[in-house]
Amino acid sequence: MFFACLGFFTRAEGDFTVRNRTISVIFTETIFLTFLSYLARFFYCPALMIAAAIAALVVSLKYYRRHKELRAFPWYILFSLMEDGADFYRYAKNQAPGARIVAGIAGNAFMLFEFILCTCFILLHVSSVLRRRAIKVNAMIYLLFLAFFCIRKPVLLTVAIWYFFESLFLVLPCLVYFYELFLDVHLQPLTDKPAFWIITGILFLNCCAIPLFLTAGALGKYNEAAFSLNYILYALFFSLLIRAYLCQPAGVPIPADSQIRTG
């Protein structure tokens, strides 16, 4: 029975007889099998990222009111899943021009949203006026670069160099945050700070992505294998988002039975 069903779903277009009734099949394979094929291209790493994103979305909605500063991140996760859906749509349509444009628009819009969200989040946790100004100038340079590139050569498809510069211009604000963080002589436990987990994730994600995007054009047939790393990096980032949501809100005492007893 299993093999009969599998044959039904994978058999080429044609007519099938079920209980003396002829059923015309107008598709060659199910969406499920197409999705498996899509995952296999990247060694099933997108499945790991999607699972982490869904878990992060569930946690972010459950603890939505716990940290006011994190309330934009459920939208970020949703946007990420929509961008993944657009990329799968491009694959399912065999790289048709219209599908490529849809995936390109979704990818570029997500890139811009991600950059703005991460920059604004880091700004919330940098107190120095001079360093905040440096982060704002850094963001303006990147946005002006994107505007100049789009005016000079309008394109709706995904451009690897844009992602490279996004990662580069996100690393600098992260370094500013950590520089200021370790200047604080009254440093609180970092494990209690949601910002520490998220900005650590932003820094790690983008530091690892820079060489990936920088060499994207030179990898040739190994590009998809190397790009699997990007899915793993995002899965780790979503895991750190979950950890950030699990931090206790500021001012909430830690239960006595969870504290380490000394002496």
Protein backbone atom coordinates (compact mmCIF):
# COMPACT_ATOMS: atom_id res chain seq x y z
CA MET A 1 0.00 0.00 0.00
CA PHE A 2 2.85 2.39 0.89
CA PHE A 3 4.61 1.83 -2.43
CA ALA A 4 1.34 2.20 -4.31
CA CYS A 5 0.77 5.58 -2.68
CA LEU A 6 4.36 6.60 -3.33
CA GLY A 7 3.99 5.59 -6.95
CA PHE A 8 0.80 7.62 -7.21
CA PHE A 9 2.52 10.76 -5.92
CA THR A 10 5.67 10.40 -8.01
CA ARG A 11 4.35 8.93 -11.22
CA ALA A 12 4.44 11.02 -14.37
CA GLU A 13 1.37 12.85 -15.61
CA GLY A 14 -1.37 10.54 -16.81
CA ASP A 15 -4.63 8.76 -15.94
CA PHE A 16 -5.14 6.51 -12.93
CA THR A 17 -8.00 4.08 -12.22
CA VAL A 18 -9.28 3.90 -8.66
CA ARG A 19 -12.35 1.74 -7.92
CA ASN A 20 -13.28 1.69 -11.62
CA ARG A 21 -13.01 5.50 -11.84
CA THR A 22 -10.44 7.25 -13.96
CA ILE A 23 -8.63 10.12 -12.27
CA SER A 24 -6.55 12.51 -14.36
CA VAL A 25 -3.35 13.60 -12.59
CA ILE A 26 -2.06 16.98 -13.73
CA PHE A 27 1.07 17.09 -11.60
CA THR A 28 4.27 15.05 -11.64
CA GLU A 29 5.07 15.13 -7.94
CA THR A 30 3.69 16.45 -4.71
CA ILE A 31 4.75 19.68 -3.06
CA PHE A 32 6.13 17.54 -0.26
CA LEU A 33 8.56 15.71 -2.52
CA THR A 34 9.53 18.96 -4.19
CA PHE A 35 10.26 20.40 -0.76
CA LEU A 36 12.42 17.39 0.12
CA SER A 37 14.34 17.90 -3.10
CA TYR A 38 14.79 21.56 -2.19
CA LEU A 39 16.14 20.64 1.24
CA ALA A 40 18.47 18.01 -0.21
CA ARG A 41 20.25 20.66 -2.29
CA PHE A 42 21.60 22.14 0.93
CA PHE A 43 22.06 18.87 2.83
CA TYR A 44 18.77 19.45 4.71
CA CYS A 45 20.26 22.44 6.55
CA PRO A 46 17.21 24.62 5.69
CA ALA A 47 15.08 22.16 7.68
CA LEU A 48 17.26 22.79 10.72
CA MET A 49 16.89 26.55 10.30
CA ILE A 50 13.12 26.39 9.74
CA ALA A 51 12.68 24.19 12.82
CA ALA A 52 14.73 26.64 14.91
CA ALA A 53 12.76 29.58 13.50
CA ILE A 54 9.41 27.98 14.32
CA ALA A 55 10.60 27.15 17.84
CA ALA A 56 11.83 30.73 18.28
CA LEU A 57 8.51 32.06 17.00
CA VAL A 58 6.56 29.94 19.50
CA VAL A 59 8.78 31.07 22.39
CA SER A 60 8.65 34.72 21.29
CA LEU A 61 4.85 34.66 21.24
CA LYS A 62 4.64 32.85 24.58
CA TYR A 63 6.91 35.40 26.27
CA TYR A 64 5.90 38.35 24.11
CA ARG A 65 5.25 40.66 27.09
CA ARG A 66 8.29 39.61 29.09
CA HIS A 67 10.80 41.93 27.36
CA LYS A 68 9.47 45.06 25.70
CA GLU A 69 12.70 45.52 23.75
CA LEU A 70 12.21 42.18 21.99
CA ARG A 71 8.70 42.72 20.67
CA ALA A 72 9.85 43.34 17.09
CA PHE A 73 11.59 39.98 16.82
CA PRO A 74 8.46 37.84 16.27
CA TRP A 75 7.93 39.91 13.12
CA TYR A 76 11.55 39.32 12.18
CA ILE A 77 11.09 35.56 12.51
CA LEU A 78 7.87 35.64 10.47
CA PHE A 79 9.60 37.70 7.79
CA SER A 80 12.43 35.16 7.72
CA LEU A 81 10.00 32.28 7.19
CA MET A 82 8.24 34.21 4.42
CA GLU A 83 11.60 34.80 2.72
CA ASP A 84 12.32 31.06 2.93
CA GLY A 85 8.91 30.38 1.39
CA ALA A 86 9.67 32.74 -1.49
CA ASP A 87 12.98 30.97 -2.10
CA PHE A 88 11.22 27.60 -2.17
CA TYR A 89 8.66 29.05 -4.60
CA ARG A 90 11.54 30.05 -6.89
CA TYR A 91 12.90 26.50 -6.76
CA ALA A 92 9.49 24.88 -7.28
CA LYS A 93 8.94 27.02 -10.38
CA ASN A 94 12.28 25.89 -11.84
CA GLN A 95 13.88 29.33 -11.62
CA ALA A 96 11.15 30.95 -13.75
CA PRO A 97 11.81 34.70 -14.22
CA GLY A 98 8.70 35.72 -12.28
CA ALA A 99 9.54 33.40 -9.38
CA ARG A 100 13.11 34.69 -9.29
CA ILE A 101 11.85 38.25 -9.06
CA VAL A 102 9.49 37.33 -6.20
CA ALA A 103 12.32 35.60 -4.32
CA GLY A 104 14.67 38.50 -5.03
CA ILE A 105 12.23 41.12 -3.73
CA ALA A 106 11.53 39.04 -0.61
CA GLY A 107 15.24 38.47 0.03
CA ASN A 108 16.21 42.11 -0.44
CA ALA A 109 13.31 43.35 1.68
CA PHE A 110 14.27 40.94 4.48
CA MET A 111 17.91 42.06 4.26
CA LEU A 112 16.90 45.71 4.66
CA PHE A 113 14.50 44.94 7.53
CA GLU A 114 17.13 42.82 9.26
CA PHE A 115 19.76 45.54 9.02
CA ILE A 116 17.45 48.27 10.34
CA LEU A 117 16.11 46.09 13.18
CA CYS A 118 19.53 44.91 14.34
CA THR A 119 21.00 48.42 14.17
CA CYS A 120 18.11 49.93 16.14
CA PHE A 121 18.29 47.14 18.71
CA ILE A 122 22.01 47.72 19.27
CA LEU A 123 21.41 51.46 19.59
CA LEU A 124 19.05 50.76 22.48
CA HIS A 125 21.94 49.26 24.43
CA VAL A 126 24.68 51.79 23.71
CA SER A 127 24.61 54.78 26.06
CA SER A 128 27.54 56.89 24.84
CA VAL A 129 26.39 59.76 22.62
CA LEU A 130 29.56 59.58 20.55
CA ARG A 131 29.32 55.85 20.02
CA ARG A 132 25.61 56.07 19.20
CA ARG A 133 26.43 58.70 16.60
CA ALA A 134 29.09 56.42 15.11
CA ILE A 135 26.53 53.61 14.78
CA LYS A 136 24.06 55.95 13.08
CA VAL A 137 26.73 57.14 10.63
CA ASN A 138 27.62 53.50 9.95
CA ALA A 139 23.96 52.76 9.14
CA MET A 140 23.64 55.82 6.90
CA ILE A 141 26.71 54.81 4.90
CA TYR A 142 25.24 51.37 4.23
CA LEU A 143 21.80 52.73 3.28
CA LEU A 144 23.41 55.32 0.97
CA PHE A 145 25.44 52.52 -0.60
CA LEU A 146 22.25 50.55 -1.29
CA ALA A 147 20.50 53.64 -2.70
CA PHE A 148 23.45 54.44 -4.95
CA PHE A 149 23.65 50.87 -6.20
CA CYS A 150 19.90 50.72 -6.92
CA ILE A 151 19.90 54.06 -8.76
CA ARG A 152 22.93 53.16 -10.83
CA LYS A 153 21.82 49.62 -11.66
CA PRO A 154 18.24 48.79 -10.60
CA VAL A 155 17.86 45.06 -9.93
CA LEU A 156 15.15 42.98 -8.29
CA LEU A 157 17.18 39.81 -7.93
CA THR A 158 19.30 38.79 -4.96
CA VAL A 159 22.79 40.34 -5.05
CA ALA A 160 25.44 38.62 -2.92
CA ILE A 161 27.52 41.78 -2.53
CA TRP A 162 24.61 43.49 -0.76
CA TYR A 163 24.56 40.75 1.87
CA PHE A 164 28.32 40.98 2.22
CA PHE A 165 28.14 44.69 3.03
CA GLU A 166 25.14 44.14 5.32
CA SER A 167 27.22 41.70 7.38
CA LEU A 168 30.21 44.03 7.36
CA PHE A 169 28.18 47.03 8.52
CA LEU A 170 26.48 45.01 11.27
CA VAL A 171 29.74 43.76 12.75
CA LEU A 172 30.92 47.28 13.58
CA PRO A 173 27.91 48.21 15.83
CA CYS A 174 28.27 44.86 17.61
CA LEU A 175 31.91 45.61 18.40
CA VAL A 176 30.91 49.05 19.72
CA TYR A 177 28.34 47.38 22.01
CA PHE A 178 30.86 44.92 23.43
CA TYR A 179 33.47 47.64 23.86
CA GLU A 180 31.04 49.67 25.94
CA LEU A 181 29.76 46.60 27.75
CA PHE A 182 33.18 45.69 29.14
CA LEU A 183 33.91 49.27 30.13
CA ASP A 184 31.11 49.00 32.69
CA VAL A 185 32.66 48.55 36.12
CA HIS A 186 29.28 47.52 37.57
CA LEU A 187 28.76 44.72 35.10
CA GLN A 188 25.75 42.53 35.83
CA PRO A 189 25.69 38.81 34.98
CA LEU A 190 25.61 38.63 31.21
CA THR A 191 23.38 35.56 31.22
CA ASP A 192 20.58 37.78 32.56
CA LYS A 193 20.81 40.23 29.66
CA PRO A 194 18.68 39.45 26.56
CA ALA A 195 20.70 42.01 24.58
CA PHE A 196 23.90 40.08 25.25
CA TRP A 197 22.53 36.89 23.71
CA ILE A 198 21.01 38.61 20.69
CA ILE A 199 23.98 40.84 19.87
CA THR A 200 26.31 37.88 20.36
CA GLY A 201 24.18 36.05 17.79
CA ILE A 202 24.28 39.01 15.39
CA LEU A 203 28.06 39.25 15.69
CA PHE A 204 28.68 35.52 15.26
CA LEU A 205 26.24 35.24 12.36
CA ASN A 206 27.73 38.10 10.40
CA CYS A 207 31.40 37.38 11.16
CA CYS A 208 30.92 33.89 9.74
CA ALA A 209 28.83 35.14 6.79
CA ILE A 210 31.39 37.69 5.56
CA PRO A 211 33.83 35.16 4.04
CA LEU A 212 30.88 33.15 2.72
CA PHE A 213 29.41 36.06 0.74
CA LEU A 214 32.83 37.36 -0.24
CA THR A 215 33.71 34.09 -1.99
CA ALA A 216 30.21 33.29 -3.30
CA GLY A 217 31.11 34.05 -6.91
CA ALA A 218 34.29 31.96 -6.86
CA LEU A 219 32.87 28.75 -5.42
CA GLY A 220 31.24 27.59 -8.65
CA LYS A 221 29.58 24.21 -8.30
CA TYR A 222 30.40 24.16 -4.58
CA ASN A 223 28.35 27.30 -3.91
CA GLU A 224 25.27 25.45 -2.65
CA ALA A 225 27.34 23.19 -0.39
CA ALA A 226 29.11 26.19 1.14
CA PHE A 227 25.87 28.16 1.45
CA SER A 228 24.48 25.42 3.67
CA LEU A 229 26.57 27.04 6.39
CA ASN A 230 24.34 30.10 6.20
CA TYR A 231 21.31 28.04 7.24
CA ILE A 232 23.23 26.61 10.19
CA LEU A 233 24.27 30.11 11.26
CA TYR A 234 20.67 31.30 11.24
CA ALA A 235 19.59 28.22 13.19
CA LEU A 236 22.14 29.15 15.87
CA PHE A 237 20.91 32.74 15.83
CA PHE A 238 17.31 31.67 16.37
CA SER A 239 18.50 29.45 19.24
CA LEU A 240 20.11 32.49 20.87
CA LEU A 241 16.86 34.39 20.38
CA ILE A 242 15.10 31.68 22.38
CA ARG A 243 17.73 32.02 25.11
CA ALA A 244 17.18 35.79 25.19
CA TYR A 245 13.44 35.39 25.69
CA LEU A 246 14.04 33.02 28.59
CA CYS A 247 15.96 35.68 30.56
CA GLN A 248 14.11 36.99 33.58
CA PRO A 249 12.83 40.57 33.23
CA ALA A 250 14.84 43.25 35.01
CA GLY A 251 13.76 43.69 38.61
CA VAL A 252 12.25 40.22 38.94
CA PRO A 253 13.97 38.30 41.77
CA ILE A 254 15.40 34.88 41.01
CA PRO A 255 13.68 32.07 42.99
CA ALA A 256 15.69 31.04 46.04
CA ASP A 257 15.77 27.39 45.05
CA SER A 258 17.45 28.28 41.72
CA GLN A 259 20.29 30.26 43.30
CA ILE A 260 23.65 28.67 43.94
CA ARG A 261 24.23 28.17 47.64
CA THR A 262 27.65 28.84 48.93
CA GLY A 263 29.29 28.09 52.24
